[in-house]
């Protein structure tokens, strides 16, 4: 699931990079492109860690509820 999410989320970045190298089309590779690309990469890399932390909290909460019952 993570690799599929990674491929879909990075598709715009792949498209621009392929256009730059294959089609030699670099009309709008401005600073905002690089900032956006870095932001996408950072969020895609951070997502599994945040997801795992949320799952751990949910598991701990469920265990606390079971102990109370």
C-alpha atoms as a PDB file:
ATOM      1  CA  UNK A   1       0.000   0.000   0.000  1.00  0.00           C
ATOM      2  CA  UNK A   2       2.832   2.406   0.823  1.00  0.00           C
ATOM      3  CA  UNK A   3       4.586   1.888  -2.507  1.00  0.00           C
ATOM      4  CA  UNK A   4       1.337   2.513  -4.387  1.00  0.00           C
ATOM      5  CA  UNK A   5       0.725   5.694  -2.398  1.00  0.00           C
ATOM      6  CA  UNK A   6       4.301   6.758  -3.057  1.00  0.00           C
ATOM      7  CA  UNK A   7       3.942   6.244  -6.812  1.00  0.00           C
ATOM      8  CA  UNK A   8       0.658   8.172  -7.005  1.00  0.00           C
ATOM      9  CA  UNK A   9       1.816  11.076  -4.837  1.00  0.00           C
ATOM     10  CA  UNK A  10       5.082  11.518  -6.706  1.00  0.00           C
ATOM     11  CA  UNK A  11       3.502  11.320 -10.173  1.00  0.00           C
ATOM     12  CA  UNK A  12       3.545  15.118 -10.717  1.00  0.00           C
ATOM     13  CA  UNK A  13       7.207  15.245  -9.752  1.00  0.00           C
ATOM     14  CA  UNK A  14       8.049  12.340 -12.096  1.00  0.00           C
ATOM     15  CA  UNK A  15       6.168  14.059 -14.909  1.00  0.00           C
ATOM     16  CA  UNK A  16       8.089  17.311 -14.589  1.00  0.00           C
ATOM     17  CA  UNK A  17      11.440  15.555 -14.264  1.00  0.00           C
ATOM     18  CA  UNK A  18      10.773  13.382 -17.331  1.00  0.00           C
ATOM     19  CA  UNK A  19       9.633  16.432 -19.311  1.00  0.00           C
ATOM     20  CA  UNK A  20      12.823  18.221 -18.335  1.00  0.00           C
ATOM     21  CA  UNK A  21      15.192  15.407 -19.333  1.00  0.00           C
ATOM     22  CA  UNK A  22      13.373  13.659 -22.186  1.00  0.00           C
ATOM     23  CA  UNK A  23      11.588  16.561 -23.873  1.00  0.00           C
ATOM     24  CA  UNK A  24      14.145  19.206 -22.883  1.00  0.00           C
ATOM     25  CA  UNK A  25      11.262  21.370 -21.684  1.00  0.00           C
ATOM     26  CA  UNK A  26      12.312  23.575 -18.770  1.00  0.00           C
ATOM     27  CA  UNK A  27      10.058  26.586 -19.221  1.00  0.00           C
ATOM     28  CA  UNK A  28       8.692  26.812 -15.684  1.00  0.00           C
ATOM     29  CA  UNK A  29      11.189  25.139 -13.359  1.00  0.00           C
ATOM     30  CA  UNK A  30      11.143  27.990 -10.886  1.00  0.00           C
ATOM     31  CA  UNK A  31      11.852  28.105  -7.187  1.00  0.00           C
ATOM     32  CA  UNK A  32       8.232  27.243  -6.437  1.00  0.00           C
ATOM     33  CA  UNK A  33       8.638  23.962  -8.365  1.00  0.00           C
ATOM     34  CA  UNK A  34      11.577  22.938  -6.204  1.00  0.00           C
ATOM     35  CA  UNK A  35       9.820  23.987  -3.001  1.00  0.00           C
ATOM     36  CA  UNK A  36       6.726  22.025  -4.037  1.00  0.00           C
ATOM     37  CA  UNK A  37       8.788  18.962  -4.951  1.00  0.00           C
ATOM     38  CA  UNK A  38      10.625  19.027  -1.637  1.00  0.00           C
ATOM     39  CA  UNK A  39       7.337  19.477   0.216  1.00  0.00           C
ATOM     40  CA  UNK A  40       5.774  16.487  -1.573  1.00  0.00           C
ATOM     41  CA  UNK A  41       8.828  14.307  -0.889  1.00  0.00           C
ATOM     42  CA  UNK A  42       8.953  15.328   2.775  1.00  0.00           C
ATOM     43  CA  UNK A  43       5.274  14.610   3.358  1.00  0.00           C
ATOM     44  CA  UNK A  44       5.424  11.260   1.570  1.00  0.00           C
ATOM     45  CA  UNK A  45       8.416  10.228   3.689  1.00  0.00           C
ATOM     46  CA  UNK A  46       6.899  11.502   6.970  1.00  0.00           C
ATOM     47  CA  UNK A  47       3.455   9.938   6.410  1.00  0.00           C
ATOM     48  CA  UNK A  48       4.330   6.345   7.492  1.00  0.00           C
ATOM     49  CA  UNK A  49       5.890   7.559  10.737  1.00  0.00           C
ATOM     50  CA  UNK A  50       2.857   9.661  11.636  1.00  0.00           C
ATOM     51  CA  UNK A  51       0.559   6.797  10.660  1.00  0.00           C
ATOM     52  CA  UNK A  52       2.465   4.344  12.864  1.00  0.00           C
ATOM     53  CA  UNK A  53       2.375   6.744  15.813  1.00  0.00           C
ATOM     54  CA  UNK A  54      -1.386   7.164  15.451  1.00  0.00           C
ATOM     55  CA  UNK A  55      -1.855   3.377  15.277  1.00  0.00           C
ATOM     56  CA  UNK A  56       0.254   2.925  18.416  1.00  0.00           C
ATOM     57  CA  UNK A  57      -1.876   5.473  20.271  1.00  0.00           C
ATOM     58  CA  UNK A  58      -5.057   3.743  19.130  1.00  0.00           C
ATOM     59  CA  UNK A  59      -3.727   0.354  20.242  1.00  0.00           C
ATOM     60  CA  UNK A  60      -2.736   1.756  23.645  1.00  0.00           C
ATOM     61  CA  UNK A  61      -6.163   3.368  24.041  1.00  0.00           C
ATOM     62  CA  UNK A  62      -7.909   0.112  23.102  1.00  0.00           C
ATOM     63  CA  UNK A  63      -5.793  -1.801  25.627  1.00  0.00           C
ATOM     64  CA  UNK A  64      -6.685   0.728  28.351  1.00  0.00           C
ATOM     65  CA  UNK A  65     -10.383   0.335  27.567  1.00  0.00           C
ATOM     66  CA  UNK A  66     -10.128  -3.475  27.709  1.00  0.00           C
ATOM     67  CA  UNK A  67      -8.409  -3.262  31.098  1.00  0.00           C
ATOM     68  CA  UNK A  68     -11.223  -1.128  32.448  1.00  0.00           C
ATOM     69  CA  UNK A  69     -13.819  -3.653  31.324  1.00  0.00           C
END
